[in-house]
Amino acid sequence: MVERGRRKVREGTVVSDRMDKTVVVEVQRLVRHPQYKRVMRRNARYHVHDERNQCSLGDRVRIRETRPLSRTKRWMVVGILEKAR
C-alpha cells in the first residue's frame, strides 16, 4: 500500500479555550536570523479541534494536521502532554 504524505505534528500551549470544541494553540519555534545569525523566537497560532472540550488554558498539547474542519480549523488535538497548574 502506498503511504500518502505524513501529517505535520506540533507541540504548543493552549492560549484560549472560549469556543465550543475549539482551542487556540500557540506554537513557538526558534529561527536563526539569515543576516545577523541571532536566534529569534517565532510564534504561530492555530485553531485546533478539541472534540471532548478536554483542553484548558495553559495546557501543553500535541496537535496534528487534518482535513479542513471549518474556515479556520485545520488541526486537531492528539493528546495533552501536561495539564496547567
C-alpha atoms as a PDB file:
ATOM      1  CA  MET A   1       0.000   0.000   0.000  1.00  0.00           C
ATOM      2  CA  VAL A   2       1.312   3.434  -0.915  1.00  0.00           C
ATOM      3  CA  GLU A   3       1.521   5.846   2.008  1.00  0.00           C
ATOM      4  CA  ARG A   4       0.415   9.397   1.385  1.00  0.00           C
ATOM      5  CA  GLY A   5       2.156  12.464   2.857  1.00  0.00           C
ATOM      6  CA  ARG A   6       2.900  12.432   6.575  1.00  0.00           C
ATOM      7  CA  ARG A   7       0.741  14.773   8.635  1.00  0.00           C
ATOM      8  CA  LYS A   8       2.548  17.556  10.451  1.00  0.00           C
ATOM      9  CA  VAL A   9       2.702  17.338  14.239  1.00  0.00           C
ATOM     10  CA  ARG A  10       3.385  20.293  16.555  1.00  0.00           C
ATOM     11  CA  GLU A  11       3.515  20.942  20.305  1.00  0.00           C
ATOM     12  CA  GLY A  12       2.213  24.123  21.868  1.00  0.00           C
ATOM     13  CA  THR A  13       0.344  25.862  24.660  1.00  0.00           C
ATOM     14  CA  VAL A  14      -3.402  26.492  24.808  1.00  0.00           C
ATOM     15  CA  VAL A  15      -3.940  30.266  24.921  1.00  0.00           C
ATOM     16  CA  SER A  16      -7.736  30.316  24.511  1.00  0.00           C
ATOM     17  CA  ASP A  17     -10.492  27.793  25.253  1.00  0.00           C
ATOM     18  CA  ARG A  18     -13.571  30.003  24.985  1.00  0.00           C
ATOM     19  CA  MET A  19     -15.038  28.381  21.856  1.00  0.00           C
ATOM     20  CA  ASP A  20     -17.026  25.145  21.792  1.00  0.00           C
ATOM     21  CA  LYS A  21     -14.893  22.173  20.630  1.00  0.00           C
ATOM     22  CA  THR A  22     -12.113  24.556  19.581  1.00  0.00           C
ATOM     23  CA  VAL A  23      -8.960  25.806  21.297  1.00  0.00           C
ATOM     24  CA  VAL A  24      -6.287  28.240  20.144  1.00  0.00           C
ATOM     25  CA  VAL A  25      -2.791  26.777  20.453  1.00  0.00           C
ATOM     26  CA  GLU A  26       0.371  28.872  20.265  1.00  0.00           C
ATOM     27  CA  VAL A  27       3.434  27.059  18.905  1.00  0.00           C
ATOM     28  CA  GLN A  28       6.897  28.549  19.427  1.00  0.00           C
ATOM     29  CA  ARG A  29       9.885  27.821  17.214  1.00  0.00           C
ATOM     30  CA  LEU A  30      13.448  29.106  17.148  1.00  0.00           C
ATOM     31  CA  VAL A  31      14.757  30.616  13.909  1.00  0.00           C
ATOM     32  CA  ARG A  32      18.222  31.888  13.116  1.00  0.00           C
ATOM     33  CA  HIS A  33      18.262  35.338  11.500  1.00  0.00           C
ATOM     34  CA  PRO A  34      19.695  34.997   7.974  1.00  0.00           C
ATOM     35  CA  GLN A  35      21.978  38.042   8.193  1.00  0.00           C
ATOM     36  CA  TYR A  36      22.724  38.562  11.894  1.00  0.00           C
ATOM     37  CA  LYS A  37      22.739  34.879  12.962  1.00  0.00           C
ATOM     38  CA  ARG A  38      20.825  35.771  16.107  1.00  0.00           C
ATOM     39  CA  VAL A  39      18.330  33.159  17.331  1.00  0.00           C
ATOM     40  CA  MET A  40      14.803  34.556  17.436  1.00  0.00           C
ATOM     41  CA  ARG A  41      11.504  33.183  18.742  1.00  0.00           C
ATOM     42  CA  ARG A  42       8.650  32.950  16.266  1.00  0.00           C
ATOM     43  CA  ASN A  43       5.053  32.227  17.321  1.00  0.00           C
ATOM     44  CA  ALA A  44       2.248  30.696  15.299  1.00  0.00           C
ATOM     45  CA  ARG A  45      -1.350  30.377  16.488  1.00  0.00           C
ATOM     46  CA  TYR A  46      -3.578  27.567  15.286  1.00  0.00           C
ATOM     47  CA  HIS A  47      -7.299  26.967  15.735  1.00  0.00           C
ATOM     48  CA  VAL A  48      -7.432  23.349  16.870  1.00  0.00           C
ATOM     49  CA  HIS A  49     -10.361  20.921  17.053  1.00  0.00           C
ATOM     50  CA  ASP A  50     -10.933  19.569  20.591  1.00  0.00           C
ATOM     51  CA  GLU A  51     -13.809  17.093  20.287  1.00  0.00           C
ATOM     52  CA  ARG A  52     -14.410  16.494  24.024  1.00  0.00           C
ATOM     53  CA  ASN A  53     -13.582  20.014  25.281  1.00  0.00           C
ATOM     54  CA  GLN A  54     -10.863  18.487  27.490  1.00  0.00           C
ATOM     55  CA  CYS A  55      -8.165  21.158  26.977  1.00  0.00           C
ATOM     56  CA  SER A  56      -7.985  24.147  29.294  1.00  0.00           C
ATOM     57  CA  LEU A  57      -5.988  27.342  29.392  1.00  0.00           C
ATOM     58  CA  GLY A  58      -2.230  26.787  29.808  1.00  0.00           C
ATOM     59  CA  ASP A  59      -2.170  23.085  28.870  1.00  0.00           C
ATOM     60  CA  ARG A  60       0.734  21.743  26.785  1.00  0.00           C
ATOM     61  CA  VAL A  61      -0.760  19.814  23.874  1.00  0.00           C
ATOM     62  CA  ARG A  62       0.326  17.885  20.789  1.00  0.00           C
ATOM     63  CA  ILE A  63      -1.622  18.747  17.630  1.00  0.00           C
ATOM     64  CA  ARG A  64      -1.807  17.116  14.209  1.00  0.00           C
ATOM     65  CA  GLU A  65      -2.718  18.453  10.789  1.00  0.00           C
ATOM     66  CA  THR A  66      -6.039  17.238   9.409  1.00  0.00           C
ATOM     67  CA  ARG A  67      -8.588  17.980   6.695  1.00  0.00           C
ATOM     68  CA  PRO A  68     -10.345  21.368   6.857  1.00  0.00           C
ATOM     69  CA  LEU A  69     -12.966  21.203   9.609  1.00  0.00           C
ATOM     70  CA  SER A  70     -14.128  24.813   9.282  1.00  0.00           C
ATOM     71  CA  ARG A  71     -12.940  28.074   7.750  1.00  0.00           C
ATOM     72  CA  THR A  72     -10.036  28.360  10.218  1.00  0.00           C
ATOM     73  CA  LYS A  73      -9.583  24.852  11.693  1.00  0.00           C
ATOM     74  CA  ARG A  74      -7.073  22.524  10.032  1.00  0.00           C
ATOM     75  CA  TRP A  75      -5.564  20.911  13.160  1.00  0.00           C
ATOM     76  CA  MET A  76      -6.796  18.546  15.865  1.00  0.00           C
ATOM     77  CA  VAL A  77      -5.645  17.691  19.378  1.00  0.00           C
ATOM     78  CA  VAL A  78      -3.752  14.392  19.535  1.00  0.00           C
ATOM     79  CA  GLY A  79      -3.048  14.441  23.270  1.00  0.00           C
ATOM     80  CA  ILE A  80      -2.479  16.545  26.347  1.00  0.00           C
ATOM     81  CA  LEU A  81       1.187  16.420  27.387  1.00  0.00           C
ATOM     82  CA  GLU A  82       0.877  18.444  30.589  1.00  0.00           C
ATOM     83  CA  LYS A  83      -2.122  19.921  32.388  1.00  0.00           C
ATOM     84  CA  ALA A  84      -1.923  23.525  33.592  1.00  0.00           C
ATOM     85  CA  ARG A  85      -1.372  24.052  37.292  1.00  0.00           C
END
